[in-house]
C-alpha atoms as a PDB file:
ATOM      1  CA  MET A   1      60.164  25.876 -48.689  1.00  0.00           C
ATOM      2  CA  ASP A   2      57.093  25.042 -47.107  1.00  0.00           C
ATOM      3  CA  GLU A   3      54.448  27.190 -48.756  1.00  0.00           C
ATOM      4  CA  ARG A   4      51.294  25.878 -46.861  1.00  0.00           C
ATOM      5  CA  SER A   5      49.633  28.542 -44.133  1.00  0.00           C
ATOM      6  CA  PRO A   6      49.480  27.639 -40.707  1.00  0.00           C
ATOM      7  CA  THR A   7      45.816  26.938 -40.772  1.00  0.00           C
ATOM      8  CA  ASP A   8      46.628  24.325 -43.735  1.00  0.00           C
ATOM      9  CA  ARG A   9      49.029  22.873 -41.599  1.00  0.00           C
ATOM     10  CA  VAL A  10      46.584  22.579 -38.520  1.00  0.00           C
ATOM     11  CA  ARG A  11      43.314  21.516 -41.125  1.00  0.00           C
ATOM     12  CA  LEU A  12      46.659  18.527 -41.605  1.00  0.00           C
ATOM     13  CA  ALA A  13      47.305  17.656 -38.442  1.00  0.00           C
ATOM     14  CA  ARG A  14      43.237  17.455 -37.480  1.00  0.00           C
ATOM     15  CA  CYS A  15      42.947  14.781 -40.644  1.00  0.00           C
ATOM     16  CA  ARG A  16      46.305  12.638 -39.385  1.00  0.00           C
ATOM     17  CA  THR A  17      44.694  12.226 -35.338  1.00  0.00           C
ATOM     18  CA  PRO A  18      43.315   8.527 -35.065  1.00  0.00           C
ATOM     19  CA  LEU A  19      39.597   8.843 -34.856  1.00  0.00           C
ATOM     20  CA  SER A  20      40.199   6.969 -31.460  1.00  0.00           C
ATOM     21  CA  ALA A  21      40.894   9.689 -29.703  1.00  0.00           C
ATOM     22  CA  ASP A  22      37.220  11.966 -30.925  1.00  0.00           C
ATOM     23  CA  ARG A  23      36.052  11.821 -27.576  1.00  0.00           C
ATOM     24  CA  ARG A  24      33.180  13.814 -28.477  1.00  0.00           C
ATOM     25  CA  GLY A  25      30.466  11.421 -28.776  1.00  0.00           C
ATOM     26  CA  ALA A  26      31.993   9.016 -25.805  1.00  0.00           C
ATOM     27  CA  PHE A  27      29.820  10.483 -22.634  1.00  0.00           C
ATOM     28  CA  ALA A  28      26.757  10.168 -24.487  1.00  0.00           C
ATOM     29  CA  LEU A  29      27.174   7.010 -25.379  1.00  0.00           C
ATOM     30  CA  GLU A  30      27.560   5.496 -22.469  1.00  0.00           C
ATOM     31  CA  PHE A  31      24.799   7.786 -20.695  1.00  0.00           C
ATOM     32  CA  ALA A  32      22.397   5.925 -23.138  1.00  0.00           C
ATOM     33  CA  MET A  33      23.649   2.472 -22.573  1.00  0.00           C
ATOM     34  CA  VAL A  34      23.772   3.237 -18.410  1.00  0.00           C
ATOM     35  CA  GLY A  35      21.655   6.023 -17.748  1.00  0.00           C
ATOM     36  CA  PRO A  36      18.120   4.219 -17.748  1.00  0.00           C
ATOM     37  CA  ILE A  37      19.456   1.602 -16.175  1.00  0.00           C
ATOM     38  CA  PHE A  38      20.431   4.374 -13.003  1.00  0.00           C
ATOM     39  CA  LEU A  39      17.235   5.738 -13.295  1.00  0.00           C
ATOM     40  CA  LEU A  40      15.477   2.363 -13.241  1.00  0.00           C
ATOM     41  CA  ALA A  41      17.235   1.328  -9.887  1.00  0.00           C
ATOM     42  CA  LEU A  42      16.720   4.596  -8.674  1.00  0.00           C
ATOM     43  CA  LEU A  43      13.172   4.864  -9.598  1.00  0.00           C
ATOM     44  CA  PHE A  44      13.046   1.212  -7.495  1.00  0.00           C
ATOM     45  CA  VAL A  45      14.644   2.124  -4.541  1.00  0.00           C
ATOM     46  CA  PHE A  46      11.963   5.500  -4.636  1.00  0.00           C
ATOM     47  CA  ASN A  47       9.065   3.123  -4.682  1.00  0.00           C
ATOM     48  CA  VAL A  48      10.211   0.688  -2.166  1.00  0.00           C
ATOM     49  CA  ALA A  49      11.282   3.471  -0.086  1.00  0.00           C
ATOM     50  CA  TYR A  50       7.793   5.167  -0.301  1.00  0.00           C
ATOM     51  CA  ASP A  51       5.584   2.023   0.441  1.00  0.00           C
ATOM     52  CA  LEU A  52       7.611   1.428   3.712  1.00  0.00           C
ATOM     53  CA  PHE A  53       6.853   5.178   4.582  1.00  0.00           C
ATOM     54  CA  THR A  54       2.769   4.578   3.467  1.00  0.00           C
ATOM     55  CA  ASN A  55       2.944   1.345   5.491  1.00  0.00           C
ATOM     56  CA  GLU A  56       4.615   3.018   8.643  1.00  0.00           C
ATOM     57  CA  VAL A  57       1.405   5.281   8.177  1.00  0.00           C
ATOM     58  CA  LEU A  58      -1.076   2.478   7.874  1.00  0.00           C
ATOM     59  CA  ASN A  59       0.012   0.566  10.981  1.00  0.00           C
ATOM     60  CA  ASN A  60      -0.046   3.964  13.040  1.00  0.00           C
ATOM     61  CA  ALA A  61      -3.524   4.587  11.819  1.00  0.00           C
ATOM     62  CA  VAL A  62      -4.925   0.923  12.686  1.00  0.00           C
ATOM     63  CA  GLN A  63      -3.727   0.680  16.138  1.00  0.00           C
ATOM     64  CA  THR A  64      -4.982   4.278  16.900  1.00  0.00           C
ATOM     65  CA  THR A  65      -8.442   3.131  15.435  1.00  0.00           C
ATOM     66  CA  ALA A  66      -8.320   0.133  17.719  1.00  0.00           C
ATOM     67  CA  ARG A  67      -7.370   1.992  20.773  1.00  0.00           C
ATOM     68  CA  GLN A  68     -10.679   4.351  20.061  1.00  0.00           C
ATOM     69  CA  MET A  69     -12.440   0.861  19.028  1.00  0.00           C
ATOM     70  CA  GLN A  70     -11.185  -0.666  22.393  1.00  0.00           C
ATOM     71  CA  THR A  71     -12.087   2.154  24.711  1.00  0.00           C
ATOM     72  CA  GLY A  72     -15.387   2.818  22.665  1.00  0.00           C
ATOM     73  CA  THR A  73     -14.941   6.483  21.626  1.00  0.00           C
ATOM     74  CA  ALA A  74     -15.088   5.257  17.956  1.00  0.00           C
ATOM     75  CA  PRO A  75     -17.908   7.937  16.646  1.00  0.00           C
ATOM     76  CA  VAL A  76     -20.527   5.405  15.586  1.00  0.00           C
ATOM     77  CA  ALA A  77     -20.570   5.004  11.517  1.00  0.00           C
ATOM     78  CA  THR A  78     -23.471   3.418   9.277  1.00  0.00           C
ATOM     79  CA  SER A  79     -21.279   1.913   6.437  1.00  0.00           C
ATOM     80  CA  GLN A  80     -18.102   1.051   5.461  1.00  0.00           C
ATOM     81  CA  SER A  81     -17.005   4.834   3.918  1.00  0.00           C
ATOM     82  CA  GLN A  82     -18.385   6.499   6.653  1.00  0.00           C
ATOM     83  CA  PHE A  83     -16.119   4.601   8.836  1.00  0.00           C
ATOM     84  CA  VAL A  84     -13.028   5.599   6.770  1.00  0.00           C
ATOM     85  CA  SER A  85     -13.639   9.334   6.262  1.00  0.00           C
ATOM     86  CA  THR A  86     -14.590   9.788  10.363  1.00  0.00           C
ATOM     87  CA  VAL A  87     -12.493   7.484  11.841  1.00  0.00           C
ATOM     88  CA  VAL A  88      -9.765   5.923   9.564  1.00  0.00           C
ATOM     89  CA  CYS A  89      -8.817   8.781   7.582  1.00  0.00           C
ATOM     90  CA  PRO A  90      -8.386  11.516  10.387  1.00  0.00           C
ATOM     91  CA  ASN A  91      -6.111   8.888  11.705  1.00  0.00           C
ATOM     92  CA  THR A  92      -3.392   9.241   8.683  1.00  0.00           C
ATOM     93  CA  TYR A  93      -3.096  12.915   9.221  1.00  0.00           C
ATOM     94  CA  GLY A  94      -3.629  13.638   5.302  1.00  0.00           C
ATOM     95  CA  LEU A  95      -0.387  11.409   4.389  1.00  0.00           C
ATOM     96  CA  ILE A  96      -2.173   9.296   2.445  1.00  0.00           C
ATOM     97  CA  ASP A  97      -4.923   9.067   0.093  1.00  0.00           C
ATOM     98  CA  CYS A  98      -8.123   8.148   2.115  1.00  0.00           C
ATOM     99  CA  ASN A  99      -9.759   6.975  -1.211  1.00  0.00           C
ATOM    100  CA  ASN A 100      -7.562   3.777  -1.728  1.00  0.00           C
ATOM    101  CA  ILE A 101      -8.233   2.565   2.063  1.00  0.00           C
ATOM    102  CA  PHE A 102     -10.475  -0.154   2.112  1.00  0.00           C
ATOM    103  CA  VAL A 103     -11.308  -1.148   5.970  1.00  0.00           C
ATOM    104  CA  ARG A 104     -13.236  -4.353   7.282  1.00  0.00           C
ATOM    105  CA  VAL A 105     -14.295  -4.873  11.333  1.00  0.00           C
ATOM    106  CA  GLU A 106     -15.292  -8.016  12.527  1.00  0.00           C
ATOM    107  CA  GLN A 107     -16.614  -9.550  15.300  1.00  0.00           C
ATOM    108  CA  ILE A 108     -13.847 -12.935  16.086  1.00  0.00           C
ATOM    109  CA  ASP A 109     -14.404 -16.126  18.430  1.00  0.00           C
ATOM    110  CA  THR A 110     -10.760 -17.275  19.262  1.00  0.00           C
ATOM    111  CA  ASN A 111     -12.539 -20.633  20.019  1.00  0.00           C
ATOM    112  CA  THR A 112     -12.562 -21.636  16.382  1.00  0.00           C
ATOM    113  CA  CYS A 113      -9.308 -20.831  15.772  1.00  0.00           C
ATOM    114  CA  SER A 114      -5.848 -22.738  17.410  1.00  0.00           C
ATOM    115  CA  ASP A 115      -4.534 -19.177  19.194  1.00  0.00           C
ATOM    116  CA  PHE A 116      -4.697 -15.377  19.608  1.00  0.00           C
ATOM    117  CA  TYR A 117      -2.263 -14.809  16.149  1.00  0.00           C
ATOM    118  CA  ASP A 118      -4.410 -16.908  13.881  1.00  0.00           C
ATOM    119  CA  ALA A 119      -7.481 -15.545  14.959  1.00  0.00           C
ATOM    120  CA  THR A 120      -5.804 -11.864  14.320  1.00  0.00           C
ATOM    121  CA  THR A 121      -3.504 -12.553  11.341  1.00  0.00           C
ATOM    122  CA  GLY A 122      -5.336 -11.115   8.084  1.00  0.00           C
ATOM    123  CA  THR A 123      -5.076 -11.812   4.884  1.00  0.00           C
ATOM    124  CA  LEU A 124      -5.139 -10.038   0.808  1.00  0.00           C
ATOM    125  CA  PRO A 125      -7.706 -11.387  -0.862  1.00  0.00           C
ATOM    126  CA  VAL A 126      -5.210 -11.819  -4.123  1.00  0.00           C
ATOM    127  CA  VAL A 127      -6.454 -14.402  -6.768  1.00  0.00           C
ATOM    128  CA  GLY A 128      -4.015 -14.897 -10.074  1.00  0.00           C
ATOM    129  CA  GLY A 129      -2.185 -12.091  -9.507  1.00  0.00           C
ATOM    130  CA  SER A 130      -4.979  -9.757  -9.283  1.00  0.00           C
ATOM    131  CA  LEU A 131      -6.540  -7.883  -5.737  1.00  0.00           C
ATOM    132  CA  GLN A 132     -10.254  -8.978  -5.451  1.00  0.00           C
ATOM    133  CA  LEU A 133     -11.469  -6.215  -3.287  1.00  0.00           C
ATOM    134  CA  GLY A 134     -14.962  -6.615  -4.716  1.00  0.00           C
ATOM    135  CA  ASP A 135     -17.433  -4.599  -1.666  1.00  0.00           C
ATOM    136  CA  TYR A 136     -14.576  -5.322   1.065  1.00  0.00           C
ATOM    137  CA  GLY A 137     -15.724  -4.376   4.175  1.00  0.00           C
ATOM    138  CA  GLY A 138     -19.792  -3.990   2.886  1.00  0.00           C
ATOM    139  CA  ALA A 139     -22.205  -6.162   3.924  1.00  0.00           C
ATOM    140  CA  GLY A 140     -21.995  -7.868   0.745  1.00  0.00           C
ATOM    141  CA  SER A 141     -18.685  -8.854   0.591  1.00  0.00           C
ATOM    142  CA  ASP A 142     -17.777 -11.319  -1.855  1.00  0.00           C
ATOM    143  CA  THR A 143     -14.313 -12.100  -0.132  1.00  0.00           C
ATOM    144  CA  GLY A 144     -16.003 -13.308   2.862  1.00  0.00           C
ATOM    145  CA  PRO A 145     -15.232 -13.232   6.297  1.00  0.00           C
ATOM    146  CA  SER A 146     -12.318 -14.034   7.984  1.00  0.00           C
ATOM    147  CA  GLN A 147     -11.615 -17.722   9.529  1.00  0.00           C
ATOM    148  CA  CYS A 148     -12.486 -16.769  12.420  1.00  0.00           C
ATOM    149  CA  ALA A 149     -15.444 -14.551  12.553  1.00  0.00           C
ATOM    150  CA  THR A 150     -18.102 -15.242  14.614  1.00  0.00           C
ATOM    151  CA  GLY A 151     -21.421 -16.791  12.790  1.00  0.00           C
ATOM    152  CA  ASN A 152     -23.531 -14.294  13.546  1.00  0.00           C
ATOM    153  CA  ALA A 153     -20.863 -11.553  12.713  1.00  0.00           C
ATOM    154  CA  ALA A 154     -22.007  -9.161  10.291  1.00  0.00           C
ATOM    155  CA  THR A 155     -19.431  -9.975   6.966  1.00  0.00           C
ATOM    156  CA  GLY A 156     -17.491  -6.891   6.642  1.00  0.00           C
ATOM    157  CA  PHE A 157     -18.044  -3.862   8.623  1.00  0.00           C
ATOM    158  CA  CYS A 158     -19.747  -3.610  11.864  1.00  0.00           C
ATOM    159  CA  ASN A 159     -19.977  -1.382  15.165  1.00  0.00           C
ATOM    160  CA  ALA A 160     -18.082  -2.357  18.131  1.00  0.00           C
ATOM    161  CA  GLY A 161     -20.112  -3.033  21.441  1.00  0.00           C
ATOM    162  CA  PRO A 162     -18.377  -3.311  25.220  1.00  0.00           C
ATOM    163  CA  ASN A 163     -16.731  -6.966  25.523  1.00  0.00           C
ATOM    164  CA  GLU A 164     -16.199  -7.997  22.516  1.00  0.00           C
ATOM    165  CA  ALA A 165     -13.160  -9.839  20.373  1.00  0.00           C
ATOM    166  CA  ILE A 166     -12.697  -7.414  17.263  1.00  0.00           C
ATOM    167  CA  LEU A 167     -10.464  -8.250  14.114  1.00  0.00           C
ATOM    168  CA  ILE A 168      -9.763  -4.483  12.145  1.00  0.00           C
ATOM    169  CA  SER A 169      -7.977  -5.067   8.555  1.00  0.00           C
ATOM    170  CA  ILE A 170      -7.137  -2.216   6.875  1.00  0.00           C
ATOM    171  CA  ILE A 171      -5.451  -2.595   3.023  1.00  0.00           C
ATOM    172  CA  TYR A 172      -4.455   0.445   1.251  1.00  0.00           C
ATOM    173  CA  THR A 173      -3.520   0.248  -2.387  1.00  0.00           C
ATOM    174  CA  ALA A 174      -0.679   2.060  -3.187  1.00  0.00           C
ATOM    175  CA  PRO A 175       0.825   2.771  -6.792  1.00  0.00           C
ATOM    176  CA  SER A 176       3.773   0.861  -8.336  1.00  0.00           C
ATOM    177  CA  PHE A 177       5.924   3.339 -10.015  1.00  0.00           C
ATOM    178  CA  ILE A 178       7.591   1.089 -12.188  1.00  0.00           C
ATOM    179  CA  GLY A 179       4.751  -1.451 -12.972  1.00  0.00           C
ATOM    180  CA  GLN A 180       4.805  -5.235 -12.510  1.00  0.00           C
ATOM    181  CA  LEU A 181       8.487  -5.338 -11.571  1.00  0.00           C
ATOM    182  CA  LEU A 182       8.132  -6.118  -8.042  1.00  0.00           C
ATOM    183  CA  GLY A 183       6.886  -9.317  -6.664  1.00  0.00           C
ATOM    184  CA  THR A 184       4.243  -7.550  -4.440  1.00  0.00           C
ATOM    185  CA  VAL A 185       3.017  -5.845  -7.384  1.00  0.00           C
ATOM    186  CA  VAL A 186      -0.814  -6.892  -8.389  1.00  0.00           C
ATOM    187  CA  THR A 187      -3.968  -5.694 -10.472  1.00  0.00           C
ATOM    188  CA  TYR A 188      -6.739  -4.062  -9.040  1.00  0.00           C
ATOM    189  CA  ASN A 189      -8.679  -1.910 -11.304  1.00  0.00           C
ATOM    190  CA  GLY A 190      -6.702  -2.483 -14.551  1.00  0.00           C
ATOM    191  CA  ALA A 191      -3.528  -0.774 -12.601  1.00  0.00           C
ATOM    192  CA  SER A 192      -0.264  -1.960 -11.007  1.00  0.00           C
ATOM    193  CA  VAL A 193      -0.566  -1.252  -7.104  1.00  0.00           C
ATOM    194  CA  THR A 194       1.082  -2.708  -4.331  1.00  0.00           C
ATOM    195  CA  PRO A 195      -1.004  -3.906  -1.598  1.00  0.00           C
ATOM    196  CA  LEU A 196      -0.709  -3.075   2.360  1.00  0.00           C
ATOM    197  CA  LEU A 197      -2.410  -5.110   5.141  1.00  0.00           C
ATOM    198  CA  ALA A 198      -2.357  -3.784   8.672  1.00  0.00           C
ATOM    199  CA  THR A 199      -4.457  -5.661  11.238  1.00  0.00           C
ATOM    200  CA  ALA A 200      -5.005  -5.367  14.730  1.00  0.00           C
ATOM    201  CA  GLY A 201      -7.073  -8.259  17.201  1.00  0.00           C
ATOM    202  CA  PHE A 202      -7.920  -6.565  20.591  1.00  0.00           C
ATOM    203  CA  GLU A 203     -10.822  -6.851  22.757  1.00  0.00           C
ATOM    204  CA  THR A 204     -12.747  -4.329  23.675  1.00  0.00           C
ATOM    205  CA  GLU A 205     -13.781  -2.217  26.894  1.00  0.00           C
ATOM    206  CA  GLY A 206     -16.310  -2.961  28.967  1.00  0.00           C
ATOM    207  CA  PHE A 207     -18.220   0.226  27.899  1.00  0.00           C
ATOM    208  CA  ALA A 208     -21.798   1.237  27.719  1.00  0.00           C
ATOM    209  CA  PRO A 209     -23.655  -0.109  24.287  1.00  0.00           C
ATOM    210  CA  LEU A 210     -23.053   2.670  21.760  1.00  0.00           C
ATOM    211  CA  GLY A 211     -26.935   1.837  20.094  1.00  0.00           C
ATOM    212  CA  ALA A 212     -25.601   1.270  16.721  1.00  0.00           C
ATOM    213  CA  SER A 213     -27.798   0.409  13.990  1.00  0.00           C
ATOM    214  CA  ASN A 214     -25.435  -1.680  12.723  1.00  0.00           C
ATOM    215  CA  PRO A 215     -23.710  -3.820  15.300  1.00  0.00           C
ATOM    216  CA  CYS A 216     -21.007  -6.738  15.949  1.00  0.00           C
END
Protein backbone atom coordinates (compact mmCIF):
# COMPACT_ATOMS: atom_id res chain seq x y z
CA MET A 1 0.00 0.00 0.00
CA ASP A 2 1.40 3.41 -1.09
CA GLU A 3 1.65 5.55 2.03
CA ARG A 4 2.95 8.62 0.20
CA SER A 5 0.83 11.74 0.46
CA PRO A 6 -0.63 13.49 -2.62
CA THR A 7 1.96 16.22 -2.20
CA ASP A 8 4.77 13.69 -2.42
CA ARG A 9 3.28 12.20 -5.59
CA VAL A 10 3.18 15.65 -7.25
CA ARG A 11 6.81 16.25 -6.35
CA LEU A 12 7.83 12.90 -7.80
CA ALA A 13 5.91 13.63 -10.99
CA ARG A 14 7.72 16.93 -11.40
CA CYS A 15 11.07 15.25 -10.93
CA ARG A 16 10.25 12.74 -13.69
CA THR A 17 9.35 15.52 -16.16
CA PRO A 18 12.03 15.80 -18.87
CA LEU A 19 14.17 18.89 -18.72
CA SER A 20 13.25 19.67 -22.33
CA ALA A 21 9.67 20.27 -21.29
CA ASP A 22 10.63 23.20 -19.07
CA ARG A 23 10.03 26.18 -21.36
CA ARG A 24 9.98 28.91 -18.77
CA GLY A 25 13.25 30.52 -19.95
CA ALA A 26 12.88 29.75 -23.65
CA PHE A 27 11.10 32.99 -24.52
CA ALA A 28 13.66 35.13 -22.72
CA LEU A 29 16.49 33.34 -24.53
CA GLU A 30 14.83 33.71 -27.93
CA PHE A 31 14.17 37.41 -27.38
CA ALA A 32 17.78 37.92 -26.29
CA MET A 33 18.88 36.43 -29.62
CA VAL A 34 16.34 38.07 -31.97
CA GLY A 35 15.40 41.23 -30.06
CA PRO A 36 18.53 43.32 -30.75
CA ILE A 37 18.36 42.52 -34.47
CA PHE A 38 14.69 43.49 -34.59
CA LEU A 39 15.31 46.75 -32.73
CA LEU A 40 18.26 47.59 -35.01
CA ALA A 41 16.13 46.96 -38.10
CA LEU A 42 13.39 49.15 -36.66
CA LEU A 43 15.88 51.93 -35.95
CA PHE A 44 17.30 51.57 -39.46
CA VAL A 45 13.85 52.03 -41.03
CA PHE A 46 13.18 55.05 -38.80
CA ASN A 47 16.52 56.62 -39.77
CA VAL A 48 15.85 56.22 -43.50
CA ALA A 49 12.31 57.59 -43.12
CA TYR A 50 13.63 60.58 -41.16
CA ASP A 51 16.21 61.34 -43.86
CA LEU A 52 13.59 61.14 -46.62
CA PHE A 53 11.24 63.44 -44.72
CA THR A 54 14.02 65.92 -43.94
CA ASN A 55 15.16 65.91 -47.55
CA GLU A 56 11.64 66.81 -48.70
CA VAL A 57 11.55 69.70 -46.23
CA LEU A 58 14.95 70.86 -47.50
CA ASN A 59 13.91 70.65 -51.16
CA ASN A 60 10.77 72.66 -50.45
CA ALA A 61 12.81 75.27 -48.60
CA VAL A 62 15.33 75.68 -51.41
CA GLN A 63 12.60 75.96 -54.05
CA THR A 64 10.72 78.59 -52.05
CA THR A 65 13.91 80.50 -51.32
CA ALA A 66 14.94 80.36 -54.98
CA ARG A 67 11.57 81.77 -56.02
CA GLN A 68 11.96 84.67 -53.59
CA MET A 69 15.42 85.43 -54.94
CA GLN A 70 14.24 85.06 -58.53
CA THR A 71 11.55 87.70 -58.09
CA GLY A 72 13.63 90.01 -55.91
CA THR A 73 11.40 89.58 -52.85
CA ALA A 74 13.99 87.87 -50.63
CA PRO A 75 15.23 90.08 -47.78
CA VAL A 76 18.71 91.47 -48.30
CA ALA A 77 21.27 89.77 -46.06
CA THR A 78 24.79 90.77 -45.13
CA SER A 79 26.02 87.28 -44.23
CA GLN A 80 25.26 83.61 -44.62
CA SER A 81 23.95 83.29 -41.07
CA GLN A 82 21.57 86.21 -41.55
CA PHE A 83 20.38 84.77 -44.86
CA VAL A 84 19.66 81.44 -43.16
CA SER A 85 17.73 83.00 -40.27
CA THR A 86 15.70 85.52 -42.28
CA VAL A 87 15.11 83.71 -45.57
CA VAL A 88 15.78 79.96 -45.48
CA CYS A 89 14.71 79.06 -41.95
CA PRO A 90 11.14 80.44 -42.23
CA ASN A 91 10.67 78.25 -45.31
CA THR A 92 11.31 75.10 -43.25
CA TYR A 93 8.28 75.82 -41.02
CA GLY A 94 10.22 74.79 -37.93
CA LEU A 95 10.44 71.14 -39.02
CA ILE A 96 14.25 70.97 -38.93
CA ASP A 97 17.00 72.51 -36.82
CA CYS A 98 18.13 75.69 -38.56
CA ASN A 99 21.47 75.54 -36.72
CA ASN A 100 22.38 72.60 -38.99
CA ILE A 101 21.68 74.49 -42.23
CA PHE A 102 24.55 75.75 -44.39
CA VAL A 103 23.89 77.84 -47.50
CA ARG A 104 25.94 78.89 -50.48
CA VAL A 105 24.69 81.42 -53.04
CA GLU A 106 26.76 82.07 -56.17
CA GLN A 107 26.39 83.68 -59.53
CA ILE A 108 27.16 81.14 -62.24
CA ASP A 109 28.34 81.46 -65.80
CA THR A 110 26.61 78.88 -68.00
CA ASN A 111 29.12 79.54 -70.79
CA THR A 112 31.85 77.80 -68.80
CA CYS A 113 29.86 74.55 -68.53
CA SER A 114 28.64 72.16 -71.19
CA ASP A 115 24.98 72.61 -70.23
CA PHE A 116 22.76 74.14 -67.60
CA TYR A 117 22.58 70.85 -65.70
CA ASP A 118 26.32 70.94 -65.06
CA ALA A 119 26.02 74.52 -63.91
CA THR A 120 23.32 73.78 -61.35
CA THR A 121 24.55 70.52 -59.85
CA GLY A 122 25.90 71.03 -56.36
CA THR A 123 28.35 68.67 -54.69
CA LEU A 124 28.99 67.65 -51.10
CA PRO A 125 32.43 68.63 -49.76
CA VAL A 126 33.28 65.19 -48.37
CA VAL A 127 36.94 64.20 -48.06
CA GLY A 128 37.95 60.82 -46.64
CA GLY A 129 34.57 60.22 -45.05
CA SER A 130 34.59 63.61 -43.33
CA LEU A 131 32.32 66.54 -44.21
CA GLN A 132 34.54 69.58 -44.83
CA LEU A 133 32.15 72.50 -44.49
CA GLY A 134 34.64 74.90 -42.99
CA ASP A 135 33.30 78.39 -43.62
CA TYR A 136 30.81 77.06 -46.16
CA GLY A 137 28.97 80.00 -47.63
CA GLY A 138 31.34 82.59 -46.19
CA ALA A 139 33.67 84.84 -48.14
CA GLY A 140 36.64 82.89 -46.79
CA SER A 141 35.21 79.47 -47.56
CA ASP A 142 37.87 76.77 -47.70
CA THR A 143 35.73 74.56 -49.95
CA GLY A 144 36.06 76.85 -52.97
CA PRO A 145 33.42 78.02 -55.44
CA SER A 146 31.43 75.71 -57.68
CA GLN A 147 32.92 74.81 -61.04
CA CYS A 148 30.62 77.23 -62.86
CA ALA A 149 30.90 80.25 -60.57
CA THR A 150 31.78 83.51 -62.28
CA GLY A 151 35.31 84.72 -61.79
CA ASN A 152 34.22 87.95 -60.08
CA ALA A 153 31.62 86.34 -57.82
CA ALA A 154 32.12 86.33 -54.08
CA THR A 155 32.99 82.85 -52.90
CA GLY A 156 30.17 81.37 -50.90
CA PHE A 157 27.43 83.97 -50.50
CA CYS A 158 26.02 86.98 -52.30
CA ASN A 159 22.73 88.81 -52.80
CA ALA A 160 21.23 88.08 -56.22
CA GLY A 161 20.67 91.00 -58.55
CA PRO A 162 18.46 91.35 -61.64
CA ASN A 163 19.05 89.22 -64.74
CA GLU A 164 21.66 86.98 -63.13
CA ALA A 165 22.13 83.20 -63.26
CA ILE A 166 22.22 82.05 -59.64
CA LEU A 167 23.01 78.75 -57.96
CA ILE A 168 21.82 78.19 -54.39
CA SER A 169 23.00 75.11 -52.49
CA ILE A 170 21.73 74.14 -49.04
CA ILE A 171 23.38 71.45 -46.93
CA TYR A 172 21.69 70.04 -43.84
CA THR A 173 23.60 67.84 -41.40
CA ALA A 174 20.95 65.35 -40.29
CA PRO A 175 21.81 63.27 -37.21
CA SER A 176 22.42 59.55 -37.70
CA PHE A 177 20.65 57.30 -35.20
CA ILE A 178 22.62 54.18 -36.15
CA GLY A 179 26.14 55.52 -36.33
CA GLN A 180 28.14 54.59 -39.42
CA LEU A 181 25.93 51.68 -40.52
CA LEU A 182 24.40 53.66 -43.39
CA GLY A 183 26.60 54.20 -46.42
CA THR A 184 25.62 57.87 -46.64
CA VAL A 185 26.82 58.68 -43.12
CA VAL A 186 29.95 60.81 -42.72
CA THR A 187 31.73 62.46 -39.82
CA TYR A 188 31.28 66.13 -38.99
CA ASN A 189 32.67 67.75 -35.84
CA GLY A 190 33.24 64.29 -34.38
CA ALA A 191 29.61 63.19 -34.84
CA SER A 192 28.00 60.83 -37.34
CA VAL A 193 25.70 62.77 -39.67
CA THR A 194 23.90 62.29 -42.96
CA PRO A 195 24.61 65.30 -45.20
CA LEU A 196 21.54 66.23 -47.24
CA LEU A 197 21.95 68.52 -50.24
CA ALA A 198 19.34 70.55 -52.11
CA THR A 199 20.19 72.85 -55.01
CA ALA A 200 18.35 75.19 -57.35
CA GLY A 201 19.61 77.02 -60.41
CA PHE A 202 17.64 79.90 -61.89
CA GLU A 203 17.85 83.24 -63.66
CA THR A 204 16.53 86.22 -61.78
CA GLU A 205 13.91 88.51 -63.24
CA GLY A 206 14.51 92.11 -64.25
CA PHE A 207 13.56 93.66 -60.93
CA ALA A 208 15.00 96.92 -59.65
CA PRO A 209 18.51 96.58 -58.18
CA LEU A 210 18.43 95.97 -54.44
CA GLY A 211 21.48 98.06 -53.60
CA ALA A 212 22.85 95.28 -51.42
CA SER A 213 26.25 95.58 -49.78
CA ASN A 214 27.25 92.10 -50.96
CA PRO A 215 26.00 91.75 -54.56
CA CYS A 216 26.75 88.80 -56.80
